[in-house]
């Protein structure tokens, strides 16, 4: 069985690597995307199970990516976790995300939350 895909949309290399490791340990295949415009291009091609989303990105901000995911019918089942140091923006967009985490994000917390999302995924029987 293939592991479900997770996008980590984060421009801080050290954080994206930590997030990728936590998601891999939770059972996901993690893909790091450091630019907002690149994330939008990948989302046009692929529907990940989960997106860990920073709000302040080069190329396109996290709010634009969040709205893109929420308005594309192909991405209706994609879970969004906002990971931001911007508490005001995180609170403002909290209702549109499945979960909001304020940075610094704890490795074990992210891993365990991702596992919970994975266990809640409906299973295809075909």
N, C-alpha and C. Protein backbone atom coordinates (compact mmCIF):
# COMPACT_ATOMS: atom_id res chain seq x y z
N UNK A 1 0.84 -1.19 0.00
CA UNK A 1 0.00 0.00 0.00
C UNK A 1 0.88 1.25 0.00
N UNK A 2 0.55 2.19 -0.87
CA UNK A 2 1.29 3.45 -0.92
C UNK A 2 0.93 4.31 0.28
N UNK A 3 1.92 5.06 0.73
CA UNK A 3 1.66 5.97 1.84
C UNK A 3 0.93 7.20 1.30
N UNK A 4 -0.02 7.76 2.05
CA UNK A 4 -0.72 8.96 1.61
C UNK A 4 0.25 10.14 1.54
N UNK A 5 -0.05 11.06 0.63
CA UNK A 5 0.84 12.19 0.37
C UNK A 5 0.53 13.37 1.27
N UNK A 6 1.59 13.97 1.80
CA UNK A 6 1.49 15.20 2.59
C UNK A 6 2.37 16.26 1.94
N UNK A 7 1.84 17.46 1.78
CA UNK A 7 2.64 18.60 1.33
C UNK A 7 3.01 19.42 2.55
N UNK A 8 4.27 19.80 2.63
CA UNK A 8 4.72 20.73 3.65
C UNK A 8 5.09 22.00 2.92
N UNK A 9 4.26 23.02 3.07
CA UNK A 9 4.45 24.28 2.37
C UNK A 9 5.04 25.25 3.40
N UNK A 10 6.35 25.31 3.40
CA UNK A 10 7.10 26.03 4.44
C UNK A 10 8.43 26.48 3.83
N UNK A 11 8.76 27.76 3.98
CA UNK A 11 10.01 28.27 3.39
C UNK A 11 11.20 28.21 4.33
N UNK A 12 10.99 27.90 5.59
CA UNK A 12 12.11 27.73 6.52
C UNK A 12 12.59 26.28 6.43
N UNK A 13 13.79 26.10 5.86
CA UNK A 13 14.30 24.76 5.57
C UNK A 13 14.34 23.86 6.80
N UNK A 14 14.84 24.39 7.92
CA UNK A 14 14.94 23.56 9.12
C UNK A 14 13.57 23.09 9.60
N UNK A 15 12.58 23.97 9.57
CA UNK A 15 11.23 23.58 10.00
C UNK A 15 10.61 22.58 9.04
N UNK A 16 10.77 22.82 7.74
CA UNK A 16 10.16 21.91 6.77
C UNK A 16 10.74 20.50 6.91
N UNK A 17 12.03 20.40 7.20
CA UNK A 17 12.64 19.08 7.38
C UNK A 17 12.12 18.39 8.64
N UNK A 18 11.94 19.14 9.71
CA UNK A 18 11.38 18.58 10.94
C UNK A 18 9.94 18.12 10.70
N UNK A 19 9.15 18.97 10.02
CA UNK A 19 7.76 18.59 9.72
C UNK A 19 7.72 17.34 8.85
N UNK A 20 8.61 17.27 7.85
CA UNK A 20 8.65 16.10 6.95
C UNK A 20 8.97 14.83 7.72
N UNK A 21 9.90 14.92 8.65
CA UNK A 21 10.27 13.76 9.44
C UNK A 21 9.10 13.31 10.33
N UNK A 22 8.41 14.27 10.95
CA UNK A 22 7.27 13.93 11.80
C UNK A 22 6.15 13.27 10.99
N UNK A 23 5.90 13.79 9.80
CA UNK A 23 4.84 13.22 8.96
C UNK A 23 5.23 11.86 8.42
N UNK A 24 6.49 11.68 8.08
CA UNK A 24 6.96 10.36 7.62
C UNK A 24 6.80 9.34 8.73
N UNK A 25 7.13 9.73 9.96
CA UNK A 25 6.97 8.82 11.09
C UNK A 25 5.49 8.49 11.34
N UNK A 26 4.61 9.41 10.97
CA UNK A 26 3.17 9.19 11.13
C UNK A 26 2.59 8.33 10.01
N UNK A 27 3.38 8.08 8.95
CA UNK A 27 2.90 7.21 7.88
C UNK A 27 2.66 7.89 6.54
N UNK A 28 3.05 9.14 6.41
CA UNK A 28 2.85 9.88 5.17
C UNK A 28 4.11 9.92 4.33
N UNK A 29 3.93 10.07 3.03
CA UNK A 29 5.01 10.42 2.12
C UNK A 29 5.02 11.94 2.06
N UNK A 30 6.06 12.56 2.55
CA UNK A 30 6.10 14.02 2.68
C UNK A 30 6.86 14.65 1.53
N UNK A 31 6.28 15.71 0.98
CA UNK A 31 6.91 16.50 -0.07
C UNK A 31 7.03 17.93 0.42
N UNK A 32 8.24 18.46 0.43
CA UNK A 32 8.49 19.83 0.89
C UNK A 32 8.40 20.78 -0.29
N UNK A 33 7.64 21.85 -0.11
CA UNK A 33 7.49 22.90 -1.12
C UNK A 33 7.77 24.23 -0.43
N UNK A 34 8.80 24.94 -0.89
CA UNK A 34 9.26 26.13 -0.19
C UNK A 34 8.65 27.44 -0.70
N UNK A 35 7.93 27.40 -1.80
CA UNK A 35 7.35 28.63 -2.37
C UNK A 35 5.85 28.45 -2.58
N UNK A 36 5.11 29.53 -2.31
CA UNK A 36 3.66 29.48 -2.49
C UNK A 36 3.23 29.22 -3.91
N UNK A 37 3.89 29.84 -4.89
CA UNK A 37 3.52 29.62 -6.29
C UNK A 37 3.78 28.18 -6.71
N UNK A 38 4.84 27.58 -6.21
CA UNK A 38 5.13 26.17 -6.52
C UNK A 38 4.08 25.26 -5.87
N UNK A 39 3.63 25.63 -4.68
CA UNK A 39 2.58 24.85 -4.01
C UNK A 39 1.29 24.88 -4.82
N UNK A 40 0.93 26.04 -5.33
CA UNK A 40 -0.28 26.14 -6.15
C UNK A 40 -0.16 25.29 -7.41
N UNK A 41 1.02 25.29 -8.02
CA UNK A 41 1.24 24.47 -9.22
C UNK A 41 1.11 22.98 -8.89
N UNK A 42 1.69 22.54 -7.77
CA UNK A 42 1.59 21.13 -7.37
C UNK A 42 0.15 20.75 -7.02
N UNK A 43 -0.56 21.66 -6.37
CA UNK A 43 -1.95 21.38 -6.00
C UNK A 43 -2.84 21.27 -7.24
N UNK A 44 -2.47 21.94 -8.32
CA UNK A 44 -3.22 21.82 -9.58
C UNK A 44 -3.04 20.44 -10.20
N UNK A 45 -1.95 19.76 -9.84
CA UNK A 45 -1.62 18.44 -10.39
C UNK A 45 -2.02 17.28 -9.48
N UNK A 46 -1.97 17.49 -8.18
CA UNK A 46 -2.05 16.40 -7.21
C UNK A 46 -2.92 16.81 -6.03
N UNK A 47 -3.65 15.84 -5.49
CA UNK A 47 -4.47 16.08 -4.31
C UNK A 47 -3.87 15.36 -3.11
N UNK A 48 -3.11 16.08 -2.28
CA UNK A 48 -2.54 15.44 -1.09
C UNK A 48 -3.61 15.19 -0.04
N UNK A 49 -3.31 14.28 0.88
CA UNK A 49 -4.22 14.01 1.99
C UNK A 49 -4.18 15.14 3.02
N UNK A 50 -2.99 15.72 3.18
CA UNK A 50 -2.80 16.74 4.20
C UNK A 50 -1.80 17.78 3.69
N UNK A 51 -2.03 19.03 4.09
CA UNK A 51 -1.11 20.13 3.78
C UNK A 51 -0.78 20.84 5.07
N UNK A 52 0.52 20.90 5.38
CA UNK A 52 1.00 21.72 6.50
C UNK A 52 1.36 23.05 5.86
N UNK A 53 0.73 24.12 6.28
CA UNK A 53 0.78 25.39 5.55
C UNK A 53 1.27 26.55 6.40
N UNK A 54 2.39 27.11 5.99
CA UNK A 54 2.87 28.37 6.55
C UNK A 54 2.07 29.49 5.90
N UNK A 55 1.93 30.61 6.57
CA UNK A 55 1.16 31.72 6.02
C UNK A 55 2.01 32.73 5.24
N UNK A 56 3.25 32.88 5.62
CA UNK A 56 4.12 33.88 4.99
C UNK A 56 5.13 33.16 4.11
N UNK A 57 4.87 33.18 2.80
CA UNK A 57 5.68 32.44 1.84
C UNK A 57 6.06 33.33 0.67
N UNK A 58 7.18 33.06 0.03
CA UNK A 58 7.50 33.76 -1.22
C UNK A 58 6.63 33.19 -2.35
N UNK A 59 6.31 34.02 -3.32
CA UNK A 59 5.59 33.56 -4.50
C UNK A 59 4.08 33.65 -4.41
N UNK A 60 3.50 33.26 -3.30
CA UNK A 60 2.06 33.36 -3.01
C UNK A 60 1.89 33.09 -1.52
N UNK A 61 1.05 33.87 -0.87
CA UNK A 61 0.93 33.68 0.58
C UNK A 61 0.03 32.49 0.92
N UNK A 62 0.12 32.08 2.17
CA UNK A 62 -0.63 30.92 2.63
C UNK A 62 -2.13 31.10 2.54
N UNK A 63 -2.59 32.32 2.72
CA UNK A 63 -4.04 32.57 2.62
C UNK A 63 -4.55 32.25 1.22
N UNK A 64 -3.80 32.61 0.20
CA UNK A 64 -4.19 32.30 -1.18
C UNK A 64 -4.23 30.78 -1.41
N UNK A 65 -3.24 30.09 -0.87
CA UNK A 65 -3.19 28.63 -1.00
C UNK A 65 -4.37 28.00 -0.27
N UNK A 66 -4.66 28.47 0.93
CA UNK A 66 -5.78 27.97 1.72
C UNK A 66 -7.09 28.12 0.95
N UNK A 67 -7.32 29.29 0.37
CA UNK A 67 -8.55 29.53 -0.38
C UNK A 67 -8.60 28.67 -1.65
N UNK A 68 -7.46 28.47 -2.28
CA UNK A 68 -7.41 27.60 -3.46
C UNK A 68 -7.85 26.18 -3.11
N UNK A 69 -7.29 25.66 -2.02
CA UNK A 69 -7.64 24.30 -1.60
C UNK A 69 -9.13 24.20 -1.28
N UNK A 70 -9.64 25.17 -0.57
CA UNK A 70 -11.03 25.12 -0.13
C UNK A 70 -12.04 25.32 -1.26
N UNK A 71 -11.60 25.87 -2.40
CA UNK A 71 -12.54 26.09 -3.50
C UNK A 71 -12.38 25.10 -4.65
N UNK A 72 -11.36 24.24 -4.61
CA UNK A 72 -11.16 23.25 -5.66
C UNK A 72 -11.85 21.94 -5.26
N UNK A 73 -12.86 21.51 -6.02
CA UNK A 73 -13.59 20.28 -5.65
C UNK A 73 -12.70 19.04 -5.56
N UNK A 74 -11.59 18.99 -6.29
CA UNK A 74 -10.69 17.83 -6.21
C UNK A 74 -10.02 17.73 -4.84
N UNK A 75 -9.96 18.85 -4.12
CA UNK A 75 -9.24 18.90 -2.85
C UNK A 75 -10.17 18.92 -1.64
N UNK A 76 -11.41 18.53 -1.84
CA UNK A 76 -12.40 18.60 -0.77
C UNK A 76 -12.00 17.75 0.44
N UNK A 77 -11.26 16.67 0.23
CA UNK A 77 -10.86 15.80 1.35
C UNK A 77 -9.48 16.14 1.91
N UNK A 78 -8.81 17.12 1.32
CA UNK A 78 -7.48 17.51 1.81
C UNK A 78 -7.59 18.22 3.15
N UNK A 79 -6.85 17.71 4.12
CA UNK A 79 -6.81 18.33 5.45
C UNK A 79 -5.77 19.45 5.43
N UNK A 80 -6.06 20.56 6.07
CA UNK A 80 -5.14 21.69 6.12
C UNK A 80 -4.78 21.97 7.57
N UNK A 81 -3.48 22.01 7.84
CA UNK A 81 -2.97 22.39 9.15
C UNK A 81 -2.15 23.66 8.95
N UNK A 82 -2.64 24.76 9.48
CA UNK A 82 -1.88 26.01 9.44
C UNK A 82 -0.81 25.92 10.52
N UNK A 83 0.43 26.19 10.13
CA UNK A 83 1.55 26.25 11.08
C UNK A 83 2.16 27.63 10.91
N UNK A 84 1.89 28.51 11.85
CA UNK A 84 2.30 29.90 11.69
C UNK A 84 2.74 30.50 13.01
N UNK A 85 3.67 31.43 12.92
CA UNK A 85 4.07 32.22 14.09
C UNK A 85 3.19 33.46 14.22
N UNK A 86 2.38 33.73 13.21
CA UNK A 86 1.51 34.90 13.17
C UNK A 86 0.18 34.55 13.84
N UNK A 87 0.09 34.80 15.13
CA UNK A 87 -1.10 34.40 15.90
C UNK A 87 -2.36 35.08 15.40
N UNK A 88 -2.27 36.36 15.00
CA UNK A 88 -3.45 37.07 14.51
C UNK A 88 -3.97 36.43 13.24
N UNK A 89 -3.09 36.16 12.28
CA UNK A 89 -3.52 35.55 11.02
C UNK A 89 -4.04 34.15 11.27
N UNK A 90 -3.38 33.41 12.13
CA UNK A 90 -3.82 32.04 12.43
C UNK A 90 -5.23 32.06 13.00
N UNK A 91 -5.51 32.99 13.91
CA UNK A 91 -6.86 33.10 14.49
C UNK A 91 -7.88 33.50 13.42
N UNK A 92 -7.48 34.42 12.54
CA UNK A 92 -8.37 34.91 11.50
C UNK A 92 -8.79 33.78 10.55
N UNK A 93 -7.86 32.88 10.23
CA UNK A 93 -8.12 31.83 9.25
C UNK A 93 -8.45 30.48 9.88
N UNK A 94 -8.51 30.43 11.19
CA UNK A 94 -8.70 29.16 11.90
C UNK A 94 -9.93 28.39 11.42
N UNK A 95 -11.02 29.07 11.14
CA UNK A 95 -12.24 28.40 10.72
C UNK A 95 -12.15 27.73 9.37
N UNK A 96 -11.18 28.13 8.55
CA UNK A 96 -11.02 27.55 7.22
C UNK A 96 -10.07 26.35 7.21
N UNK A 97 -9.30 26.20 8.27
CA UNK A 97 -8.34 25.09 8.36
C UNK A 97 -8.92 23.99 9.25
N UNK A 98 -8.36 22.79 9.10
CA UNK A 98 -8.77 21.69 9.97
C UNK A 98 -8.13 21.81 11.34
N UNK A 99 -6.98 22.47 11.37
CA UNK A 99 -6.23 22.63 12.61
C UNK A 99 -5.27 23.80 12.46
N UNK A 100 -5.03 24.52 13.54
CA UNK A 100 -4.07 25.61 13.53
C UNK A 100 -3.07 25.38 14.64
N UNK A 101 -1.79 25.41 14.29
CA UNK A 101 -0.71 25.27 15.27
C UNK A 101 0.15 26.52 15.22
N UNK A 102 0.44 27.06 16.39
CA UNK A 102 1.33 28.21 16.46
C UNK A 102 2.77 27.74 16.60
N UNK A 103 3.65 28.33 15.83
CA UNK A 103 5.07 27.99 15.91
C UNK A 103 5.63 28.56 17.19
N UNK A 104 6.54 27.87 17.82
CA UNK A 104 7.17 26.64 17.36
C UNK A 104 6.24 25.45 17.53
N UNK A 105 6.19 24.60 16.51
CA UNK A 105 5.35 23.41 16.51
C UNK A 105 6.15 22.25 17.09
N UNK A 106 5.56 21.54 18.01
CA UNK A 106 6.21 20.41 18.65
C UNK A 106 6.18 19.20 17.72
N UNK A 107 7.32 18.57 17.54
CA UNK A 107 7.48 17.40 16.66
C UNK A 107 6.49 16.29 17.00
N UNK A 108 6.44 15.92 18.25
CA UNK A 108 5.59 14.81 18.69
C UNK A 108 4.12 15.17 18.51
N UNK A 109 3.77 16.41 18.81
CA UNK A 109 2.39 16.86 18.62
C UNK A 109 1.99 16.75 17.15
N UNK A 110 2.84 17.22 16.24
CA UNK A 110 2.53 17.15 14.82
C UNK A 110 2.42 15.70 14.35
N UNK A 111 3.36 14.88 14.76
CA UNK A 111 3.34 13.46 14.38
C UNK A 111 2.04 12.80 14.83
N UNK A 112 1.67 13.02 16.09
CA UNK A 112 0.48 12.37 16.63
C UNK A 112 -0.81 12.89 15.99
N UNK A 113 -0.86 14.18 15.70
CA UNK A 113 -2.03 14.74 15.02
C UNK A 113 -2.14 14.19 13.60
N UNK A 114 -1.01 14.06 12.91
CA UNK A 114 -1.02 13.50 11.56
C UNK A 114 -1.48 12.05 11.60
N UNK A 115 -1.04 11.30 12.58
CA UNK A 115 -1.51 9.90 12.73
C UNK A 115 -3.01 9.85 12.93
N UNK A 116 -3.52 10.78 13.72
CA UNK A 116 -4.96 10.81 13.96
C UNK A 116 -5.70 11.10 12.65
N UNK A 117 -5.21 12.05 11.86
CA UNK A 117 -5.82 12.34 10.56
C UNK A 117 -5.78 11.10 9.68
N UNK A 118 -4.66 10.40 9.70
CA UNK A 118 -4.50 9.20 8.87
C UNK A 118 -5.51 8.14 9.26
N UNK A 119 -5.72 7.95 10.55
CA UNK A 119 -6.66 6.92 11.01
C UNK A 119 -8.11 7.31 10.72
N UNK A 120 -8.37 8.59 10.51
CA UNK A 120 -9.73 9.06 10.22
C UNK A 120 -10.06 9.01 8.73
N UNK A 121 -9.06 8.73 7.87
CA UNK A 121 -9.27 8.70 6.42
C UNK A 121 -10.18 7.54 6.05
N UNK A 122 -11.18 7.79 5.18
CA UNK A 122 -11.99 6.68 4.69
C UNK A 122 -11.14 5.76 3.83
N UNK A 123 -11.44 4.48 3.85
CA UNK A 123 -10.66 3.50 3.11
C UNK A 123 -11.36 3.16 1.80
N UNK A 124 -10.60 3.13 0.70
CA UNK A 124 -11.12 2.68 -0.58
C UNK A 124 -11.07 1.16 -0.62
N UNK A 125 -12.15 0.52 -1.02
CA UNK A 125 -12.19 -0.93 -1.07
C UNK A 125 -12.08 -1.48 -2.50
N UNK A 126 -11.69 -0.63 -3.44
CA UNK A 126 -11.55 -1.13 -4.81
C UNK A 126 -10.13 -1.31 -5.22
